[in-house]
Full PDB file with SEQRES, HELIX, SHEET, SSBOND, CRYST1, ORIGX, SCALE, CONECT and MASTER records, all heavy atoms in Angstrom:
SEQRES   1 A   35  LEU ARG ARG ALA LEU ILE ASP PRO TRP PRO ALA TRP ALA          
SEQRES   2 A   35  ALA GLY GLY LEU LEU GLY ALA LEU VAL ALA ALA SER TYR          
SEQRES   3 A   35  ALA ALA GLY GLU PRO LEU GLY LEU ILE                          
HELIX    1 AA1 ARG A    2  ILE A    6  3                                   5    
HELIX    2 AA2 ALA A   11  ALA A   28  1                                  18    
CRYST1    1.000    1.000    1.000  90.00  90.00  90.00 P 1           1          
ORIGX1      1.000000  0.000000  0.000000        0.00000                         
ORIGX2      0.000000  1.000000  0.000000        0.00000                         
ORIGX3      0.000000  0.000000  1.000000        0.00000                         
SCALE1      1.000000  0.000000  0.000000        0.00000                         
SCALE2      0.000000  1.000000  0.000000        0.00000                         
SCALE3      0.000000  0.000000  1.000000        0.00000                         
ATOM      1  N   LEU A   1       0.856  -1.156  -0.010  1.00  0.00           N  
ATOM      2  CA  LEU A   1      -0.018   0.001   0.033  1.00  0.00           C  
ATOM      3  C   LEU A   1       0.904   1.235   0.038  1.00  0.00           C  
ATOM      4  O   LEU A   1       0.546   2.225  -0.673  1.00  0.00           O  
ATOM      5  CB  LEU A   1      -0.891  -0.025   1.205  1.00  0.00           C  
ATOM      6  CG  LEU A   1      -2.127  -0.958   1.146  1.00  0.00           C  
ATOM      7  CD1 LEU A   1      -2.916  -0.861   2.470  1.00  0.00           C  
ATOM      8  CD2 LEU A   1      -2.990  -0.611  -0.108  1.00  0.00           C  
ATOM      9  N   ARG A   2       1.926   1.186   0.717  1.00  0.00           N  
ATOM     10  CA  ARG A   2       2.801   2.422   0.749  1.00  0.00           C  
ATOM     11  C   ARG A   2       3.469   2.649  -0.559  1.00  0.00           C  
ATOM     12  O   ARG A   2       3.610   3.806  -1.076  1.00  0.00           O  
ATOM     13  CB  ARG A   2       3.861   2.270   1.845  1.00  0.00           C  
ATOM     14  CG  ARG A   2       4.854   3.495   1.826  1.00  0.00           C  
ATOM     15  CD  ARG A   2       5.782   3.565   2.995  1.00  0.00           C  
ATOM     16  NE  ARG A   2       6.615   4.723   3.045  1.00  0.00           N  
ATOM     17  CZ  ARG A   2       6.273   5.896   3.503  1.00  0.00           C  
ATOM     18  NH1 ARG A   2       5.055   6.052   4.080  1.00  0.00           N  
ATOM     19  NH2 ARG A   2       7.091   6.960   3.435  1.00  0.00           N  
ATOM     20  N   ARG A   3       3.881   1.550  -1.192  1.00  0.00           N  
ATOM     21  CA  ARG A   3       4.546   1.621  -2.505  1.00  0.00           C  
ATOM     22  C   ARG A   3       3.532   2.134  -3.636  1.00  0.00           C  
ATOM     23  O   ARG A   3       3.877   2.894  -4.517  1.00  0.00           O  
ATOM     24  CB  ARG A   3       5.107   0.325  -2.971  1.00  0.00           C  
ATOM     25  CG  ARG A   3       6.427  -0.139  -2.140  1.00  0.00           C  
ATOM     26  CD  ARG A   3       6.991  -1.371  -2.641  1.00  0.00           C  
ATOM     27  NE  ARG A   3       8.069  -1.817  -1.894  1.00  0.00           N  
ATOM     28  CZ  ARG A   3       9.317  -1.414  -2.164  1.00  0.00           C  
ATOM     29  NH1 ARG A   3       9.598  -0.583  -3.179  1.00  0.00           N  
ATOM     30  NH2 ARG A   3      10.378  -1.847  -1.390  1.00  0.00           N  
ATOM     31  N   ALA A   4       2.282   1.682  -3.450  1.00  0.00           N  
ATOM     32  CA  ALA A   4       1.266   2.031  -4.417  1.00  0.00           C  
ATOM     33  C   ALA A   4       0.670   3.343  -4.240  1.00  0.00           C  
ATOM     34  O   ALA A   4       0.346   4.110  -5.162  1.00  0.00           O  
ATOM     35  CB  ALA A   4       0.187   0.937  -4.531  1.00  0.00           C  
ATOM     36  N   LEU A   5       0.409   3.774  -2.994  1.00  0.00           N  
ATOM     37  CA  LEU A   5      -0.349   4.942  -2.678  1.00  0.00           C  
ATOM     38  C   LEU A   5       0.456   6.147  -2.204  1.00  0.00           C  
ATOM     39  O   LEU A   5       0.001   7.305  -2.356  1.00  0.00           O  
ATOM     40  CB  LEU A   5      -1.368   4.595  -1.647  1.00  0.00           C  
ATOM     41  CG  LEU A   5      -2.412   3.518  -1.937  1.00  0.00           C  
ATOM     42  CD1 LEU A   5      -3.368   3.293  -0.790  1.00  0.00           C  
ATOM     43  CD2 LEU A   5      -3.168   3.799  -3.225  1.00  0.00           C  
ATOM     44  N   ILE A   6       1.614   6.006  -1.622  1.00  0.00           N  
ATOM     45  CA  ILE A   6       2.341   7.075  -0.995  1.00  0.00           C  
ATOM     46  C   ILE A   6       3.633   7.378  -1.686  1.00  0.00           C  
ATOM     47  O   ILE A   6       3.842   8.505  -2.140  1.00  0.00           O  
ATOM     48  CB  ILE A   6       2.553   6.766   0.502  1.00  0.00           C  
ATOM     49  CG1 ILE A   6       1.257   6.677   1.228  1.00  0.00           C  
ATOM     50  CG2 ILE A   6       3.519   7.881   1.134  1.00  0.00           C  
ATOM     51  CD1 ILE A   6       1.362   6.345   2.782  1.00  0.00           C  
ATOM     52  N   ASP A   7       4.460   6.438  -1.859  1.00  0.00           N  
ATOM     53  CA  ASP A   7       5.767   6.695  -2.502  1.00  0.00           C  
ATOM     54  C   ASP A   7       5.563   6.841  -4.048  1.00  0.00           C  
ATOM     55  O   ASP A   7       4.678   6.189  -4.600  1.00  0.00           O  
ATOM     56  CB  ASP A   7       6.695   5.417  -2.357  1.00  0.00           C  
ATOM     57  CG  ASP A   7       7.233   5.213  -0.880  1.00  0.00           C  
ATOM     58  OD1 ASP A   7       7.036   6.240  -0.148  1.00  0.00           O  
ATOM     59  OD2 ASP A   7       7.652   4.139  -0.486  1.00  0.00           O  
ATOM     60  N   PRO A   8       6.299   7.727  -4.685  1.00  0.00           N  
ATOM     61  CA  PRO A   8       6.238   7.890  -6.144  1.00  0.00           C  
ATOM     62  C   PRO A   8       6.542   6.606  -6.840  1.00  0.00           C  
ATOM     63  O   PRO A   8       7.368   5.822  -6.381  1.00  0.00           O  
ATOM     64  CB  PRO A   8       7.287   8.922  -6.375  1.00  0.00           C  
ATOM     65  CG  PRO A   8       7.519   9.656  -5.215  1.00  0.00           C  
ATOM     66  CD  PRO A   8       7.330   8.646  -4.055  1.00  0.00           C  
ATOM     67  N   TRP A   9       5.793   6.382  -7.937  1.00  0.00           N  
ATOM     68  CA  TRP A   9       6.108   5.219  -8.707  1.00  0.00           C  
ATOM     69  C   TRP A   9       7.370   5.291  -9.559  1.00  0.00           C  
ATOM     70  O   TRP A   9       7.716   6.499  -9.879  1.00  0.00           O  
ATOM     71  CB  TRP A   9       4.985   4.974  -9.671  1.00  0.00           C  
ATOM     72  CG  TRP A   9       3.646   4.506  -9.013  1.00  0.00           C  
ATOM     73  CD1 TRP A   9       3.448   4.280  -7.771  1.00  0.00           C  
ATOM     74  CD2 TRP A   9       2.435   4.230  -9.737  1.00  0.00           C  
ATOM     75  NE1 TRP A   9       2.184   3.897  -7.594  1.00  0.00           N  
ATOM     76  CE2 TRP A   9       1.518   3.851  -8.688  1.00  0.00           C  
ATOM     77  CE3 TRP A   9       2.066   4.267 -11.075  1.00  0.00           C  
ATOM     78  CZ2 TRP A   9       0.176   3.512  -9.097  1.00  0.00           C  
ATOM     79  CZ3 TRP A   9       0.723   3.958 -11.366  1.00  0.00           C  
ATOM     80  CH2 TRP A   9      -0.210   3.583 -10.332  1.00  0.00           C  
ATOM     81  N   PRO A  10       8.072   4.216  -9.811  1.00  0.00           N  
ATOM     82  CA  PRO A  10       9.149   4.328 -10.825  1.00  0.00           C  
ATOM     83  C   PRO A  10       8.592   4.938 -12.172  1.00  0.00           C  
ATOM     84  O   PRO A  10       7.495   4.510 -12.536  1.00  0.00           O  
ATOM     85  CB  PRO A  10       9.697   2.921 -10.933  1.00  0.00           C  
ATOM     86  CG  PRO A  10       9.175   2.212  -9.709  1.00  0.00           C  
ATOM     87  CD  PRO A  10       7.916   2.854  -9.337  1.00  0.00           C  
ATOM     88  N   ALA A  11       9.352   5.711 -12.791  1.00  0.00           N  
ATOM     89  CA  ALA A  11       8.919   6.240 -14.080  1.00  0.00           C  
ATOM     90  C   ALA A  11       8.579   5.206 -15.107  1.00  0.00           C  
ATOM     91  O   ALA A  11       7.630   5.360 -15.917  1.00  0.00           O  
ATOM     92  CB  ALA A  11       9.960   7.235 -14.597  1.00  0.00           C  
ATOM     93  N   TRP A  12       9.278   4.072 -15.107  1.00  0.00           N  
ATOM     94  CA  TRP A  12       9.105   3.055 -16.108  1.00  0.00           C  
ATOM     95  C   TRP A  12       7.634   2.432 -15.874  1.00  0.00           C  
ATOM     96  O   TRP A  12       6.998   2.033 -16.823  1.00  0.00           O  
ATOM     97  CB  TRP A  12      10.152   1.999 -16.060  1.00  0.00           C  
ATOM     98  CG  TRP A  12      10.239   1.223 -14.739  1.00  0.00           C  
ATOM     99  CD1 TRP A  12      11.116   1.507 -13.795  1.00  0.00           C  
ATOM    100  CD2 TRP A  12       9.457   0.185 -14.307  1.00  0.00           C  
ATOM    101  NE1 TRP A  12      10.947   0.581 -12.688  1.00  0.00           N  
ATOM    102  CE2 TRP A  12       9.966  -0.197 -13.069  1.00  0.00           C  
ATOM    103  CE3 TRP A  12       8.417  -0.645 -14.911  1.00  0.00           C  
ATOM    104  CZ2 TRP A  12       9.401  -1.300 -12.343  1.00  0.00           C  
ATOM    105  CZ3 TRP A  12       7.889  -1.659 -14.176  1.00  0.00           C  
ATOM    106  CH2 TRP A  12       8.376  -2.022 -12.847  1.00  0.00           C  
ATOM    107  N   ALA A  13       7.204   2.363 -14.586  1.00  0.00           N  
ATOM    108  CA  ALA A  13       5.912   1.734 -14.355  1.00  0.00           C  
ATOM    109  C   ALA A  13       4.866   2.666 -14.817  1.00  0.00           C  
ATOM    110  O   ALA A  13       3.797   2.261 -15.409  1.00  0.00           O  
ATOM    111  CB  ALA A  13       5.844   1.450 -12.861  1.00  0.00           C  
ATOM    112  N   ALA A  14       4.947   3.984 -14.442  1.00  0.00           N  
ATOM    113  CA  ALA A  14       3.936   4.891 -14.901  1.00  0.00           C  
ATOM    114  C   ALA A  14       3.994   4.990 -16.456  1.00  0.00           C  
ATOM    115  O   ALA A  14       2.894   5.078 -17.039  1.00  0.00           O  
ATOM    116  CB  ALA A  14       4.277   6.259 -14.302  1.00  0.00           C  
ATOM    117  N   GLY A  15       5.143   5.011 -17.055  1.00  0.00           N  
ATOM    118  CA  GLY A  15       5.214   5.073 -18.407  1.00  0.00           C  
ATOM    119  C   GLY A  15       4.587   3.868 -19.123  1.00  0.00           C  
ATOM    120  O   GLY A  15       3.870   3.928 -20.174  1.00  0.00           O  
ATOM    121  N   GLY A  16       4.834   2.613 -18.594  1.00  0.00           N  
ATOM    122  CA  GLY A  16       4.309   1.470 -19.110  1.00  0.00           C  
ATOM    123  C   GLY A  16       2.764   1.489 -19.093  1.00  0.00           C  
ATOM    124  O   GLY A  16       2.049   1.089 -20.048  1.00  0.00           O  
ATOM    125  N   LEU A  17       2.261   1.925 -17.943  1.00  0.00           N  
ATOM    126  CA  LEU A  17       0.715   2.028 -17.767  1.00  0.00           C  
ATOM    127  C   LEU A  17       0.261   3.048 -18.760  1.00  0.00           C  
ATOM    128  O   LEU A  17      -0.862   2.777 -19.348  1.00  0.00           O  
ATOM    129  CB  LEU A  17       0.470   2.474 -16.341  1.00  0.00           C  
ATOM    130  CG  LEU A  17      -1.018   2.626 -16.035  1.00  0.00           C  
ATOM    131  CD1 LEU A  17      -1.826   1.306 -16.317  1.00  0.00           C  
ATOM    132  CD2 LEU A  17      -1.257   3.048 -14.485  1.00  0.00           C  
ATOM    133  N   LEU A  18       0.898   4.195 -18.908  1.00  0.00           N  
ATOM    134  CA  LEU A  18       0.429   5.113 -19.946  1.00  0.00           C  
ATOM    135  C   LEU A  18       0.459   4.571 -21.370  1.00  0.00           C  
ATOM    136  O   LEU A  18      -0.575   4.668 -22.113  1.00  0.00           O  
ATOM    137  CB  LEU A  18       1.349   6.403 -19.916  1.00  0.00           C  
ATOM    138  CG  LEU A  18       1.064   7.464 -20.939  1.00  0.00           C  
ATOM    139  CD1 LEU A  18      -0.401   7.938 -20.835  1.00  0.00           C  
ATOM    140  CD2 LEU A  18       2.097   8.660 -20.786  1.00  0.00           C  
ATOM    141  N   GLY A  19       1.456   3.836 -21.708  1.00  0.00           N  
ATOM    142  CA  GLY A  19       1.569   3.164 -23.021  1.00  0.00           C  
ATOM    143  C   GLY A  19       0.325   2.165 -23.199  1.00  0.00           C  
ATOM    144  O   GLY A  19      -0.245   2.129 -24.288  1.00  0.00           O  
ATOM    145  N   ALA A  20       0.115   1.389 -22.244  1.00  0.00           N  
ATOM    146  CA  ALA A  20      -1.017   0.474 -22.263  1.00  0.00           C  
ATOM    147  C   ALA A  20      -2.324   1.085 -22.341  1.00  0.00           C  
ATOM    148  O   ALA A  20      -3.170   0.650 -23.085  1.00  0.00           O  
ATOM    149  CB  ALA A  20      -0.943  -0.444 -20.974  1.00  0.00           C  
ATOM    150  N   LEU A  21      -2.417   2.245 -21.765  1.00  0.00           N  
ATOM    151  CA  LEU A  21      -3.739   3.069 -21.795  1.00  0.00           C  
ATOM    152  C   LEU A  21      -3.885   3.707 -23.257  1.00  0.00           C  
ATOM    153  O   LEU A  21      -4.992   3.651 -23.800  1.00  0.00           O  
ATOM    154  CB  LEU A  21      -3.604   4.192 -20.846  1.00  0.00           C  
ATOM    155  CG  LEU A  21      -4.956   4.980 -20.650  1.00  0.00           C  
ATOM    156  CD1 LEU A  21      -6.045   4.066 -20.105  1.00  0.00           C  
ATOM    157  CD2 LEU A  21      -4.723   6.086 -19.535  1.00  0.00           C  
ATOM    158  N   VAL A  22      -2.704   4.050 -23.877  1.00  0.00           N  
ATOM    159  CA  VAL A  22      -2.887   4.557 -25.300  1.00  0.00           C  
ATOM    160  C   VAL A  22      -3.417   3.394 -26.231  1.00  0.00           C  
ATOM    161  O   VAL A  22      -4.222   3.553 -27.046  1.00  0.00           O  
ATOM    162  CB  VAL A  22      -1.541   5.098 -25.784  1.00  0.00           C  
ATOM    163  CG1 VAL A  22      -1.502   5.284 -27.242  1.00  0.00           C  
ATOM    164  CG2 VAL A  22      -1.190   6.355 -25.060  1.00  0.00           C  
ATOM    165  N   ALA A  23      -2.719   2.161 -25.989  1.00  0.00           N  
ATOM    166  CA  ALA A  23      -3.149   1.009 -26.833  1.00  0.00           C  
ATOM    167  C   ALA A  23      -4.594   0.712 -26.575  1.00  0.00           C  
ATOM    168  O   ALA A  23      -5.402   0.343 -27.447  1.00  0.00           O  
ATOM    169  CB  ALA A  23      -2.285  -0.181 -26.515  1.00  0.00           C  
ATOM    170  N   ALA A  24      -5.063   0.786 -25.281  1.00  0.00           N  
ATOM    171  CA  ALA A  24      -6.407   0.361 -24.999  1.00  0.00           C  
ATOM    172  C   ALA A  24      -7.382   1.417 -25.583  1.00  0.00           C  
ATOM    173  O   ALA A  24      -8.447   1.020 -26.006  1.00  0.00           O  
ATOM    174  CB  ALA A  24      -6.617   0.299 -23.436  1.00  0.00           C  
ATOM    175  N   SER A  25      -6.981   2.693 -25.625  1.00  0.00           N  
ATOM    176  CA  SER A  25      -7.862   3.652 -26.208  1.00  0.00           C  
ATOM    177  C   SER A  25      -7.988   3.394 -27.712  1.00  0.00           C  
ATOM    178  O   SER A  25      -9.037   3.653 -28.316  1.00  0.00           O  
ATOM    179  CB  SER A  25      -7.281   5.012 -25.970  1.00  0.00           C  
ATOM    180  OG  SER A  25      -6.051   5.282 -26.754  1.00  0.00           O  
ATOM    181  N   TYR A  26      -6.915   2.931 -28.355  1.00  0.00           N  
ATOM    182  CA  TYR A  26      -7.099   2.572 -29.820  1.00  0.00           C  
ATOM    183  C   TYR A  26      -8.083   1.387 -29.986  1.00  0.00           C  
ATOM    184  O   TYR A  26      -8.838   1.413 -30.889  1.00  0.00           O  
ATOM    185  CB  TYR A  26      -5.728   2.192 -30.410  1.00  0.00           C  
ATOM    186  CG  TYR A  26      -4.944   3.367 -30.969  1.00  0.00           C  
ATOM    187  CD1 TYR A  26      -3.707   3.759 -30.555  1.00  0.00           C  
ATOM    188  CD2 TYR A  26      -5.672   4.193 -31.964  1.00  0.00           C  
ATOM    189  CE1 TYR A  26      -2.987   4.875 -31.068  1.00  0.00           C  
ATOM    190  CE2 TYR A  26      -4.901   5.350 -32.465  1.00  0.00           C  
ATOM    191  CZ  TYR A  26      -3.608   5.623 -32.069  1.00  0.00           C  
ATOM    192  OH  TYR A  26      -2.976   6.723 -32.630  1.00  0.00           O  
ATOM    193  N   ALA A  27      -7.890   0.454 -29.123  1.00  0.00           N  
ATOM    194  CA  ALA A  27      -8.855  -0.685 -29.189  1.00  0.00           C  
ATOM    195  C   ALA A  27     -10.316  -0.253 -29.014  1.00  0.00           C  
ATOM    196  O   ALA A  27     -11.201  -0.908 -29.563  1.00  0.00           O  
ATOM    197  CB  ALA A  27      -8.425  -1.703 -28.092  1.00  0.00           C  
ATOM    198  N   ALA A  28     -10.472   0.811 -28.136  1.00  0.00           N  
ATOM    199  CA  ALA A  28     -11.817   1.347 -28.014  1.00  0.00           C  
ATOM    200  C   ALA A  28     -12.264   2.275 -29.112  1.00  0.00           C  
ATOM    201  O   ALA A  28     -13.392   2.672 -29.169  1.00  0.00           O  
ATOM    202  CB  ALA A  28     -11.963   2.036 -26.601  1.00  0.00           C  
ATOM    203  N   GLY A  29     -11.324   2.641 -29.967  1.00  0.00           N  
ATOM    204  CA  GLY A  29     -11.653   3.473 -31.121  1.00  0.00           C  
ATOM    205  C   GLY A  29     -11.421   4.882 -30.881  1.00  0.00           C  
ATOM    206  O   GLY A  29     -11.808   5.723 -31.884  1.00  0.00           O  
ATOM    207  N   GLU A  30     -10.866   5.316 -29.870  1.00  0.00           N  
ATOM    208  CA  GLU A  30     -10.759   6.790 -29.561  1.00  0.00           C  
ATOM    209  C   GLU A  30      -9.352   7.009 -29.009  1.00  0.00           C  
ATOM    210  O   GLU A  30      -9.017   6.674 -27.906  1.00  0.00           O  
ATOM    211  CB  GLU A  30     -11.742   7.304 -28.537  1.00  0.00           C  
ATOM    212  CG  GLU A  30     -11.625   8.790 -28.249  1.00  0.00           C  
ATOM    213  CD  GLU A  30     -12.065   9.670 -29.379  1.00  0.00           C  
ATOM    214  OE1 GLU A  30     -12.832   9.227 -30.189  1.00  0.00           O  
ATOM    215  OE2 GLU A  30     -11.708  10.788 -29.434  1.00  0.00           O  
ATOM    216  N   PRO A  31      -8.353   7.512 -29.849  1.00  0.00           N  
ATOM    217  CA  PRO A  31      -7.024   7.729 -29.349  1.00  0.00           C  
ATOM    218  C   PRO A  31      -6.897   8.580 -28.136  1.00  0.00           C  
ATOM    219  O   PRO A  31      -7.623   9.622 -28.087  1.00  0.00           O  
ATOM    220  CB  PRO A  31      -6.262   8.263 -30.608  1.00  0.00           C  
ATOM    221  CG  PRO A  31      -7.344   8.839 -31.415  1.00  0.00           C  
ATOM    222  CD  PRO A  31      -8.566   7.964 -31.250  1.00  0.00           C  
ATOM    223  N   LEU A  32      -6.069   8.246 -27.167  1.00  0.00           N  
ATOM    224  CA  LEU A  32      -5.923   8.954 -25.983  1.00  0.00           C  
ATOM    225  C   LEU A  32      -5.269  10.344 -26.216  1.00  0.00           C  
ATOM    226  O   LEU A  32      -4.375  10.506 -26.952  1.00  0.00           O  
ATOM    227  CB  LEU A  32      -5.079   8.241 -24.931  1.00  0.00           C  
ATOM    228  CG  LEU A  32      -4.922   8.711 -23.528  1.00  0.00           C  
ATOM    229  CD1 LEU A  32      -6.248   8.733 -22.830  1.00  0.00           C  
ATOM    230  CD2 LEU A  32      -3.901   8.007 -22.863  1.00  0.00           C  
ATOM    231  N   GLY A  33      -5.861  11.298 -25.551  1.00  0.00           N  
ATOM    232  CA  GLY A  33      -5.260  12.674 -25.609  1.00  0.00           C  
ATOM    233  C   GLY A  33      -6.121  13.680 -24.863  1.00  0.00           C  
ATOM    234  O   GLY A  33      -7.323  13.394 -24.607  1.00  0.00           O  
ATOM    235  N   LEU A  34      -5.586  14.947 -24.555  1.00  0.00           N  
ATOM    236  CA  LEU A  34      -6.372  15.835 -23.786  1.00  0.00           C  
ATOM    237  C   LEU A  34      -6.599  17.149 -24.661  1.00  0.00           C  
ATOM    238  O   LEU A  34      -7.065  18.102 -24.126  1.00  0.00           O  
ATOM    239  CB  LEU A  34      -5.634  16.217 -22.562  1.00  0.00           C  
ATOM    240  CG  LEU A  34      -5.257  15.065 -21.542  1.00  0.00           C  
ATOM    241  CD1 LEU A  34      -4.478  15.643 -20.413  1.00  0.00           C  
ATOM    242  CD2 LEU A  34      -6.520  14.462 -21.059  1.00  0.00           C  
ATOM    243  N   ILE A  35      -6.281  17.103 -25.948  1.00  0.00           N  
ATOM    244  CA  ILE A  35      -6.259  18.326 -26.753  1.00  0.00           C  
ATOM    245  C   ILE A  35      -7.573  18.506 -27.517  1.00  0.00           C  
ATOM    246  O   ILE A  35      -7.958  19.704 -27.775  1.00  0.00           O  
ATOM    247  CB  ILE A  35      -5.051  18.225 -27.687  1.00  0.00           C  
ATOM    248  CG1 ILE A  35      -3.723  18.214 -26.948  1.00  0.00           C  
ATOM    249  CG2 ILE A  35      -5.045  19.430 -28.657  1.00  0.00           C  
ATOM    250  CD1 ILE A  35      -3.493  19.359 -25.980  1.00  0.00           C  
TER     251      ILE A  35                                                      
MASTER        0    0    0    2    0    0    0    6  250    1    0    3          
END                                                                             
């Protein structure tokens, strides 16, 4: 819980999750973005 909720995540873990989210958004038909 401390590693997940309090301590900052390793950048590779956050980056990997972001990459998976981009791929999932393509699977859903809407590319990820805030623009």
